[in-house]
PDB file of N, CA and C in Angstrom:
ATOM      1  N   MET A   1     156.809  63.060 162.995  1.00  0.00           N
ATOM      2  CA  MET A   1     157.775  61.946 163.694  1.00  0.00           C
ATOM      3  C   MET A   1     157.150  60.716 164.142  1.00  0.00           C
ATOM      4  N   ARG A   2     157.428  59.721 164.215  1.00  0.00           N
ATOM      5  CA  ARG A   2     156.223  58.122 164.380  1.00  0.00           C
ATOM      6  C   ARG A   2     156.943  57.458 165.517  1.00  0.00           C
ATOM      7  N   LYS A   3     156.842  56.709 166.372  1.00  0.00           N
ATOM      8  CA  LYS A   3     156.863  55.958 166.955  1.00  0.00           C
ATOM      9  C   LYS A   3     157.270  54.235 166.070  1.00  0.00           C
ATOM     10  N   MET A   4     158.265  53.473 166.588  1.00  0.00           N
ATOM     11  CA  MET A   4     158.778  52.602 165.820  1.00  0.00           C
ATOM     12  C   MET A   4     159.271  51.145 167.887  1.00  0.00           C
ATOM     13  N   GLU A   5     157.947  50.340 167.565  1.00  0.00           N
ATOM     14  CA  GLU A   5     157.531  49.370 168.440  1.00  0.00           C
ATOM     15  C   GLU A   5     158.793  48.197 168.284  1.00  0.00           C
ATOM     16  N   PHE A   6     159.341  47.483 169.426  1.00  0.00           N
ATOM     17  CA  PHE A   6     159.836  46.402 169.023  1.00  0.00           C
ATOM     18  C   PHE A   6     159.775  45.724 169.994  1.00  0.00           C
ATOM     19  N   ALA A   7     158.664  44.628 170.490  1.00  0.00           N
ATOM     20  CA  ALA A   7     158.872  43.075 171.758  1.00  0.00           C
ATOM     21  C   ALA A   7     159.360  42.252 171.337  1.00  0.00           C
ATOM     22  N   VAL A   8     160.220  42.262 170.336  1.00  0.00           N
ATOM     23  CA  VAL A   8     161.221  41.116 170.682  1.00  0.00           C
ATOM     24  C   VAL A   8     163.125  41.647 171.107  1.00  0.00           C
ATOM     25  N   GLY A   9     163.485  41.552 172.033  1.00  0.00           N
ATOM     26  CA  GLY A   9     164.996  41.643 172.237  1.00  0.00           C
ATOM     27  C   GLY A   9     165.634  41.457 171.326  1.00  0.00           C
ATOM     28  N   CYS A  10     166.226  40.251 171.498  1.00  0.00           N
ATOM     29  CA  CYS A  10     167.109  39.746 170.130  1.00  0.00           C
ATOM     30  C   CYS A  10     167.451  41.175 169.153  1.00  0.00           C
ATOM     31  N   VAL A  11     166.446  41.799 167.897  1.00  0.00           N
ATOM     32  CA  VAL A  11     165.996  42.393 166.886  1.00  0.00           C
ATOM     33  C   VAL A  11     165.819  44.095 167.653  1.00  0.00           C
ATOM     34  N   VAL A  12     165.752  44.105 169.395  1.00  0.00           N
ATOM     35  CA  VAL A  12     166.084  45.812 168.960  1.00  0.00           C
ATOM     36  C   VAL A  12     167.772  45.978 170.121  1.00  0.00           C
ATOM     37  N   GLU A  13     168.521  44.506 170.239  1.00  0.00           N
ATOM     38  CA  GLU A  13     169.017  44.471 170.951  1.00  0.00           C
ATOM     39  C   GLU A  13     170.392  44.556 169.041  1.00  0.00           C
ATOM     40  N   CYS A  14     169.972  43.553 168.656  1.00  0.00           N
ATOM     41  CA  CYS A  14     170.870  44.397 166.645  1.00  0.00           C
ATOM     42  C   CYS A  14     171.248  45.250 166.192  1.00  0.00           C
ATOM     43  N   LEU A  15     169.923  46.360 166.736  1.00  0.00           N
ATOM     44  CA  LEU A  15     170.268  47.387 166.145  1.00  0.00           C
ATOM     45  C   LEU A  15     171.142  48.880 167.551  1.00  0.00           C
ATOM     46  N   ARG A  16     171.376  47.856 168.548  1.00  0.00           N
ATOM     47  CA  ARG A  16     171.718  48.735 169.644  1.00  0.00           C
ATOM     48  C   ARG A  16     173.320  48.355 168.734  1.00  0.00           C
ATOM     49  N   ARG A  17     173.579  47.450 169.032  1.00  0.00           N
ATOM     50  CA  ARG A  17     174.809  47.159 168.912  1.00  0.00           C
ATOM     51  C   ARG A  17     175.478  46.906 167.295  1.00  0.00           C
ATOM     52  N   GLN A  18     173.996  46.871 166.333  1.00  0.00           N
ATOM     53  CA  GLN A  18     175.188  46.251 165.068  1.00  0.00           C
ATOM     54  C   GLN A  18     174.949  47.973 164.149  1.00  0.00           C
ATOM     55  N   GLY A  19     174.243  48.743 165.138  1.00  0.00           N
ATOM     56  CA  GLY A  19     173.573  50.410 164.366  1.00  0.00           C
ATOM     57  C   GLY A  19     172.224  50.018 163.123  1.00  0.00           C
ATOM     58  N   ARG A  20     172.126  48.582 162.751  1.00  0.00           N
ATOM     59  CA  ARG A  20     171.083  48.696 161.885  1.00  0.00           C
ATOM     60  C   ARG A  20     170.225  47.066 161.497  1.00  0.00           C
ATOM     61  N   VAL A  21     169.107  47.012 161.867  1.00  0.00           N
ATOM     62  CA  VAL A  21     168.226  45.846 161.725  1.00  0.00           C
ATOM     63  C   VAL A  21     167.070  45.676 160.670  1.00  0.00           C
ATOM     64  N   PHE A  22     166.647  44.387 159.927  1.00  0.00           N
ATOM     65  CA  PHE A  22     166.043  44.476 158.925  1.00  0.00           C
ATOM     66  C   PHE A  22     165.109  43.751 160.352  1.00  0.00           C
ATOM     67  N   THR A  23     163.531  43.818 160.309  1.00  0.00           N
ATOM     68  CA  THR A  23     162.241  43.934 160.602  1.00  0.00           C
ATOM     69  C   THR A  23     161.516  43.305 159.290  1.00  0.00           C
ATOM     70  N   VAL A  24     160.688  43.028 160.096  1.00  0.00           N
ATOM     71  CA  VAL A  24     158.920  42.972 159.156  1.00  0.00           C
ATOM     72  C   VAL A  24     158.011  43.117 160.274  1.00  0.00           C
ATOM     73  N   ARG A  25     157.042  43.648 159.033  1.00  0.00           N
ATOM     74  CA  ARG A  25     155.830  44.369 159.933  1.00  0.00           C
ATOM     75  C   ARG A  25     154.754  44.290 158.715  1.00  0.00           C
ATOM     76  N   SER A  26     153.624  44.518 158.986  1.00  0.00           N
ATOM     77  CA  SER A  26     152.039  43.164 158.499  1.00  0.00           C
ATOM     78  C   SER A  26     151.411  44.654 157.474  1.00  0.00           C
ATOM     79  N   TYR A  27     152.305  45.903 158.080  1.00  0.00           N
ATOM     80  CA  TYR A  27     151.596  47.468 157.159  1.00  0.00           C
ATOM     81  C   TYR A  27     153.029  47.715 155.756  1.00  0.00           C
ATOM     82  N   CYS A  28     152.676  48.495 155.063  1.00  0.00           N
ATOM     83  CA  CYS A  28     153.739  48.764 154.272  1.00  0.00           C
ATOM     84  C   CYS A  28     153.445  50.302 154.402  1.00  0.00           C
ATOM     85  N   LEU A  29     154.325  51.203 154.418  1.00  0.00           N
ATOM     86  CA  LEU A  29     154.344  52.605 154.783  1.00  0.00           C
ATOM     87  C   LEU A  29     155.878  53.348 153.985  1.00  0.00           C
ATOM     88  N   GLU A  30     155.311  53.834 153.089  1.00  0.00           N
ATOM     89  CA  GLU A  30     155.847  54.424 151.888  1.00  0.00           C
ATOM     90  C   GLU A  30     155.801  56.100 151.849  1.00  0.00           C
ATOM     91  N   GLY A  31     157.068  56.448 152.074  1.00  0.00           N
ATOM     92  CA  GLY A  31     157.040  57.962 151.677  1.00  0.00           C
ATOM     93  C   GLY A  31     157.549  59.110 152.981  1.00  0.00           C
ATOM     94  N   SER A  32     158.247  60.084 152.577  1.00  0.00           N
ATOM     95  CA  SER A  32     158.973  60.759 153.288  1.00  0.00           C
ATOM     96  C   SER A  32     158.576  60.471 154.693  1.00  0.00           C
ATOM     97  N   PHE A  33     157.165  60.767 155.200  1.00  0.00           N
ATOM     98  CA  PHE A  33     156.779  61.179 156.598  1.00  0.00           C
ATOM     99  C   PHE A  33     157.279  59.764 157.376  1.00  0.00           C
ATOM    100  N   TYR A  34     157.031  58.785 156.954  1.00  0.00           N
ATOM    101  CA  TYR A  34     157.209  57.921 157.497  1.00  0.00           C
ATOM    102  C   TYR A  34     158.702  57.347 158.166  1.00  0.00           C
ATOM    103  N   ARG A  35     159.208  57.573 157.524  1.00  0.00           N
ATOM    104  CA  ARG A  35     160.662  57.670 157.379  1.00  0.00           C
ATOM    105  C   ARG A  35     161.845  57.868 158.773  1.00  0.00           C
ATOM    106  N   VAL A  36     161.292  59.100 159.534  1.00  0.00           N
ATOM    107  CA  VAL A  36     162.436  59.479 160.803  1.00  0.00           C
ATOM    108  C   VAL A  36     161.620  58.633 161.618  1.00  0.00           C
ATOM    109  N   VAL A  37     161.832  58.037 162.987  1.00  0.00           N
ATOM    110  CA  VAL A  37     160.939  57.284 163.422  1.00  0.00           C
ATOM    111  C   VAL A  37     161.776  57.201 164.821  1.00  0.00           C
ATOM    112  N   TYR A  38     161.064  56.952 166.282  1.00  0.00           N
ATOM    113  CA  TYR A  38     161.624  57.328 167.029  1.00  0.00           C
ATOM    114  C   TYR A  38     161.225  55.549 168.353  1.00  0.00           C
ATOM    115  N   VAL A  39     162.832  55.264 168.582  1.00  0.00           N
ATOM    116  CA  VAL A  39     162.799  53.864 168.967  1.00  0.00           C
ATOM    117  C   VAL A  39     163.343  53.760 170.775  1.00  0.00           C
ATOM    118  N   ASP A  40     162.624  53.406 171.783  1.00  0.00           N
ATOM    119  CA  ASP A  40     162.781  53.454 172.761  1.00  0.00           C
ATOM    120  C   ASP A  40     164.247  52.405 173.114  1.00  0.00           C
ATOM    121  N   GLY A  41     165.172  53.313 173.810  1.00  0.00           N
ATOM    122  CA  GLY A  41     166.356  53.056 174.635  1.00  0.00           C
ATOM    123  C   GLY A  41     167.345  53.888 173.215  1.00  0.00           C
ATOM    124  N   ILE A  42     166.572  53.865 172.691  1.00  0.00           N
ATOM    125  CA  ILE A  42     167.987  53.613 171.195  1.00  0.00           C
ATOM    126  C   ILE A  42     167.865  55.345 170.797  1.00  0.00           C
ATOM    127  N   GLY A  43     167.018  56.231 170.201  1.00  0.00           N
ATOM    128  CA  GLY A  43     166.862  57.269 170.088  1.00  0.00           C
ATOM    129  C   GLY A  43     165.933  57.590 167.914  1.00  0.00           C
ATOM    130  N   LEU A  44     166.225  58.555 167.873  1.00  0.00           N
ATOM    131  CA  LEU A  44     165.630  58.490 166.404  1.00  0.00           C
ATOM    132  C   LEU A  44     166.830  57.650 165.401  1.00  0.00           C
ATOM    133  N   CYS A  45     166.131  57.299 164.772  1.00  0.00           N
ATOM    134  CA  CYS A  45     166.133  56.005 163.588  1.00  0.00           C
ATOM    135  C   CYS A  45     165.460  56.476 161.731  1.00  0.00           C
ATOM    136  N   TRP A  46     166.568  55.634 160.884  1.00  0.00           N
ATOM    137  CA  TRP A  46     165.570  55.938 159.921  1.00  0.00           C
ATOM    138  C   TRP A  46     165.325  54.856 159.528  1.00  0.00           C
ATOM    139  N   ARG A  47     164.396  55.211 159.058  1.00  0.00           N
ATOM    140  CA  ARG A  47     162.822  53.706 158.677  1.00  0.00           C
ATOM    141  C   ARG A  47     163.470  53.368 157.360  1.00  0.00           C
ATOM    142  N   GLU A  48     163.674  52.347 156.349  1.00  0.00           N
ATOM    143  CA  GLU A  48     163.261  52.818 154.641  1.00  0.00           C
ATOM    144  C   GLU A  48     161.725  50.746 154.372  1.00  0.00           C
ATOM    145  N   LEU A  49     161.991  51.650 153.655  1.00  0.00           N
ATOM    146  CA  LEU A  49     161.284  49.846 153.148  1.00  0.00           C
ATOM    147  C   LEU A  49     161.847  48.561 152.630  1.00  0.00           C
ATOM    148  N   VAL A  50     162.221  47.583 152.259  1.00  0.00           N
ATOM    149  CA  VAL A  50     162.967  47.200 151.663  1.00  0.00           C
ATOM    150  C   VAL A  50     162.298  46.821 150.782  1.00  0.00           C
ATOM    151  N   GLY A  51     160.862  46.286 150.503  1.00  0.00           N
ATOM    152  CA  GLY A  51     160.332  45.193 149.876  1.00  0.00           C
ATOM    153  C   GLY A  51     158.866  44.309 150.166  1.00  0.00           C
ATOM    154  N   GLN A  52     158.310  43.449 149.968  1.00  0.00           N
ATOM    155  CA  GLN A  52     157.681  42.985 150.483  1.00  0.00           C
ATOM    156  C   GLN A  52     158.436  41.287 150.553  1.00  0.00           C
ATOM    157  N   VAL A  53     157.725  39.814 151.426  1.00  0.00           N
ATOM    158  CA  VAL A  53     158.782  38.664 151.382  1.00  0.00           C
ATOM    159  C   VAL A  53     156.934  38.537 151.751  1.00  0.00           C
ATOM    160  N   LYS A  54     157.179  37.593 150.481  1.00  0.00           N
ATOM    161  CA  LYS A  54     156.626  36.532 150.095  1.00  0.00           C
ATOM    162  C   LYS A  54     156.630  34.962 150.946  1.00  0.00           C
ATOM    163  N   CYS A  55     158.237  34.861 151.350  1.00  0.00           N
ATOM    164  CA  CYS A  55     158.944  33.364 151.759  1.00  0.00           C
ATOM    165  C   CYS A  55     159.776  33.570 152.728  1.00  0.00           C
ATOM    166  N   LYS A  56     159.682  32.465 153.438  1.00  0.00           N
ATOM    167  CA  LYS A  56     161.245  32.990 154.708  1.00  0.00           C
ATOM    168  C   LYS A  56     162.505  32.545 153.769  1.00  0.00           C
ATOM    169  N   GLU A  57     162.238  32.205 152.647  1.00  0.00           N
ATOM    170  CA  GLU A  57     163.609  32.105 151.728  1.00  0.00           C
ATOM    171  C   GLU A  57     163.847  34.176 151.459  1.00  0.00           C
ATOM    172  N   ASP A  58     163.049  34.549 151.193  1.00  0.00           N
ATOM    173  CA  ASP A  58     162.712  35.757 150.525  1.00  0.00           C
ATOM    174  C   ASP A  58     164.109  36.538 152.066  1.00  0.00           C
ATOM    175  N   LEU A  59     164.008  35.990 153.041  1.00  0.00           N
ATOM    176  CA  LEU A  59     165.289  36.430 153.949  1.00  0.00           C
ATOM    177  C   LEU A  59     166.350  35.876 154.224  1.00  0.00           C
ATOM    178  N   LEU A  60     166.238  34.868 153.249  1.00  0.00           N
ATOM    179  CA  LEU A  60     167.682  35.433 153.341  1.00  0.00           C
ATOM    180  C   LEU A  60     169.142  35.829 153.861  1.00  0.00           C
ATOM    181  N   SER A  61     169.337  36.831 152.649  1.00  0.00           N
ATOM    182  CA  SER A  61     170.338  37.511 152.515  1.00  0.00           C
ATOM    183  C   SER A  61     170.509  38.551 153.583  1.00  0.00           C
ATOM    184  N   PHE A  62     169.353  38.460 154.987  1.00  0.00           N
ATOM    185  CA  PHE A  62     169.185  39.796 155.118  1.00  0.00           C
ATOM    186  C   PHE A  62     169.035  39.390 156.789  1.00  0.00           C
ATOM    187  N   LEU A  63     169.595  38.090 156.692  1.00  0.00           N
ATOM    188  CA  LEU A  63     168.753  37.805 158.475  1.00  0.00           C
ATOM    189  C   LEU A  63     170.995  38.048 159.130  1.00  0.00           C
ATOM    190  N   GLU A  64     171.993  38.095 158.985  1.00  0.00           N
ATOM    191  CA  GLU A  64     173.079  38.719 159.732  1.00  0.00           C
ATOM    192  C   GLU A  64     172.543  39.432 160.305  1.00  0.00           C
ATOM    193  N   PHE A  65     171.299  41.104 160.370  1.00  0.00           N
ATOM    194  CA  PHE A  65     171.435  42.049 161.281  1.00  0.00           C
ATOM    195  C   PHE A  65     169.782  41.695 161.276  1.00  0.00           C
ATOM    196  N   SER A  66     169.302  40.403 161.441  1.00  0.00           N
ATOM    197  CA  SER A  66     168.195  40.532 162.156  1.00  0.00           C
ATOM    198  C   SER A  66     167.744  40.120 163.487  1.00  0.00           C
ATOM    199  N   GLY A  67     168.668  39.496 163.886  1.00  0.00           N
ATOM    200  CA  GLY A  67     169.148  39.697 165.701  1.00  0.00           C
ATOM    201  C   GLY A  67     168.434  37.798 165.952  1.00  0.00           C
ATOM    202  N   PHE A  68     168.291  37.115 165.125  1.00  0.00           N
ATOM    203  CA  PHE A  68     168.187  36.316 164.790  1.00  0.00           C
ATOM    204  C   PHE A  68     168.631  35.160 164.677  1.00  0.00           C
ATOM    205  N   ASN A  69     169.293  34.125 165.043  1.00  0.00           N
ATOM    206  CA  ASN A  69     169.969  33.039 164.680  1.00  0.00           C
ATOM    207  C   ASN A  69     169.577  31.978 163.663  1.00  0.00           C
ATOM    208  N   SER A  70     168.275  32.523 163.228  1.00  0.00           N
ATOM    209  CA  SER A  70     168.244  31.361 162.061  1.00  0.00           C
ATOM    210  C   SER A  70     167.045  32.377 161.391  1.00  0.00           C
ATOM    211  N   VAL A  71     166.777  31.260 159.770  1.00  0.00           N
ATOM    212  CA  VAL A  71     165.970  32.042 159.448  1.00  0.00           C
ATOM    213  C   VAL A  71     164.652  31.761 159.463  1.00  0.00           C
ATOM    214  N   ASP A  72     164.442  29.927 160.013  1.00  0.00           N
ATOM    215  CA  ASP A  72     163.430  29.740 160.511  1.00  0.00           C
ATOM    216  C   ASP A  72     162.486  30.271 162.081  1.00  0.00           C
ATOM    217  N   GLU A  73     163.750  30.283 163.052  1.00  0.00           N
ATOM    218  CA  GLU A  73     163.682  31.161 164.154  1.00  0.00           C
ATOM    219  C   GLU A  73     162.191  32.895 163.480  1.00  0.00           C
ATOM    220  N   TRP A  74     162.966  33.768 162.939  1.00  0.00           N
ATOM    221  CA  TRP A  74     162.440  33.833 162.535  1.00  0.00           C
ATOM    222  C   TRP A  74     161.389  34.633 161.549  1.00  0.00           C
ATOM    223  N   TRP A  75     161.386  33.455 161.392  1.00  0.00           N
ATOM    224  CA  TRP A  75     159.903  33.454 160.103  1.00  0.00           C
ATOM    225  C   TRP A  75     159.216  32.977 161.674  1.00  0.00           C
ATOM    226  N   GLU A  76     159.173  31.954 162.049  1.00  0.00           N
ATOM    227  CA  GLU A  76     158.456  31.460 163.356  1.00  0.00           C
ATOM    228  C   GLU A  76     157.997  32.956 164.212  1.00  0.00           C
ATOM    229  N   LYS A  77     158.630  33.965 164.359  1.00  0.00           N
ATOM    230  CA  LYS A  77     158.256  35.133 165.034  1.00  0.00           C
ATOM    231  C   LYS A  77     157.523  35.975 164.340  1.00  0.00           C
ATOM    232  N   ILE A  78     157.800  36.147 163.599  1.00  0.00           N
ATOM    233  CA  ILE A  78     157.069  36.721 162.166  1.00  0.00           C
ATOM    234  C   ILE A  78     155.872  36.268 162.084  1.00  0.00           C
ATOM    235  N   VAL A  79     155.351  34.968 162.129  1.00  0.00           N
ATOM    236  CA  VAL A  79     154.564  34.936 161.752  1.00  0.00           C
ATOM    237  C   VAL A  79     153.153  34.739 163.199  1.00  0.00           C
ATOM    238  N   SER A  80     154.008  34.489 163.808  1.00  0.00           N
ATOM    239  CA  SER A  80     153.313  35.021 165.594  1.00  0.00           C
ATOM    240  C   SER A  80     152.902  37.057 165.402  1.00  0.00           C
ATOM    241  N   PHE A  81     153.577  36.797 165.039  1.00  0.00           N
ATOM    242  CA  PHE A  81     153.151  38.472 164.659  1.00  0.00           C
ATOM    243  C   PHE A  81     151.909  39.388 163.837  1.00  0.00           C
ATOM    244  N   CYS A  82     152.647  38.085 162.966  1.00  0.00           N
ATOM    245  CA  CYS A  82     151.590  39.192 161.168  1.00  0.00           C
ATOM    246  C   CYS A  82     150.231  37.528 161.148  1.00  0.00           C
ATOM    247  N   GLY A  83     150.742  36.717 161.395  1.00  0.00           N
ATOM    248  CA  GLY A  83     149.432  35.866 160.634  1.00  0.00           C
ATOM    249  C   GLY A  83     149.657  35.473 159.368  1.00  0.00           C
ATOM    250  N   ASN A  84     148.696  36.031 158.818  1.00  0.00           N
ATOM    251  CA  ASN A  84     148.435  35.294 156.781  1.00  0.00           C
ATOM    252  C   ASN A  84     148.292  37.296 156.195  1.00  0.00           C
ATOM    253  N   ARG A  85     148.734  38.004 157.507  1.00  0.00           N
ATOM    254  CA  ARG A  85     148.351  39.351 156.849  1.00  0.00           C
ATOM    255  C   ARG A  85     149.973  39.583 155.270  1.00  0.00           C
ATOM    256  N   GLU A  86     150.042  40.625 154.865  1.00  0.00           N
ATOM    257  CA  GLU A  86     150.750  40.486 153.920  1.00  0.00           C
ATOM    258  C   GLU A  86     152.345  41.054 155.549  1.00  0.00           C
ATOM    259  N   LYS A  87     153.574  40.527 154.439  1.00  0.00           N
ATOM    260  CA  LYS A  87     154.840  40.898 155.159  1.00  0.00           C
ATOM    261  C   LYS A  87     155.643  41.838 154.132  1.00  0.00           C
ATOM    262  N   TRP A  88     155.854  42.839 155.253  1.00  0.00           N
ATOM    263  CA  TRP A  88     156.626  43.851 154.843  1.00  0.00           C
ATOM    264  C   TRP A  88     158.078  43.702 155.364  1.00  0.00           C
ATOM    265  N   LEU A  89     159.132  44.140 154.150  1.00  0.00           N
ATOM    266  CA  LEU A  89     160.558  44.043 154.868  1.00  0.00           C
ATOM    267  C   LEU A  89     161.043  45.038 154.938  1.00  0.00           C
ATOM    268  N   TYR A  90     161.434  46.216 156.678  1.00  0.00           N
ATOM    269  CA  TYR A  90     162.178  47.147 156.473  1.00  0.00           C
ATOM    270  C   TYR A  90     163.218  47.146 157.000  1.00  0.00           C
ATOM    271  N   LYS A  91     164.259  48.457 156.889  1.00  0.00           N
ATOM    272  CA  LYS A  91     165.778  48.262 157.177  1.00  0.00           C
ATOM    273  C   LYS A  91     165.712  49.673 157.964  1.00  0.00           C
ATOM    274  N   VAL A  92     166.216  49.202 159.076  1.00  0.00           N
ATOM    275  CA  VAL A  92     165.868  50.353 160.415  1.00  0.00           C
ATOM    276  C   VAL A  92     167.517  50.913 160.648  1.00  0.00           C
ATOM    277  N   CYS A  93     167.996  52.187 160.335  1.00  0.00           N
ATOM    278  CA  CYS A  93     169.433  52.840 161.116  1.00  0.00           C
ATOM    279  C   CYS A  93     169.934  53.410 162.949  1.00  0.00           C
ATOM    280  N   LYS A  94     170.120  53.587 163.227  1.00  0.00           N
ATOM    281  CA  LYS A  94     170.841  54.701 163.940  1.00  0.00           C
ATOM    282  C   LYS A  94     170.873  55.621 163.358  1.00  0.00           C
ATOM    283  N   TYR A  95     169.887  56.638 163.865  1.00  0.00           N
ATOM    284  CA  TYR A  95     171.254  58.319 164.081  1.00  0.00           C
ATOM    285  C   TYR A  95     172.634  57.855 164.455  1.00  0.00           C
ATOM    286  N   LYS A  96     173.408  58.582 163.621  1.00  0.00           N
ATOM    287  CA  LYS A  96     175.226  58.952 164.163  1.00  0.00           C
ATOM    288  C   LYS A  96     174.762  59.551 165.926  1.00  0.00           C
ATOM    289  N   ASN A  97     174.307  60.764 166.189  1.00  0.00           N
ATOM    290  CA  ASN A  97     173.992  61.061 167.902  1.00  0.00           C
ATOM    291  C   ASN A  97     172.388  60.501 168.735  1.00  0.00           C
ATOM    292  N   SER A  98     172.168  59.133 168.359  1.00  0.00           N
ATOM    293  CA  SER A  98     171.607  58.725 169.576  1.00  0.00           C
ATOM    294  C   SER A  98     172.432  57.981 169.945  1.00  0.00           C
ATOM    295  N   ALA A  99     170.995  57.419 171.430  1.00  0.00           N
ATOM    296  CA  ALA A  99     171.968  56.974 172.091  1.00  0.00           C
ATOM    297  C   ALA A  99     172.928  55.496 172.054  1.00  0.00           C
TER     298      ALA A  99
END
């Protein structure tokens, strides 16, 4: 099991309140070894690769469970973390017995 970090408060708060969150990372992890993760303050979670993000419009249908108020706000934060590297969208869900 791996640890998954969330440096943006509104993202981890969405996971805490909604039980799931969509998050973008600069790495692509596939395979069952990478699916169970531990998130500080949340506990065990399930991570699922959704797909590659090419532009901010790719995120429109995921905004509700991102923790952000707009796609522009979300995209700005993604670019600050990922820069010009590839961007990958993940769905992260709390296990029912987590905090």
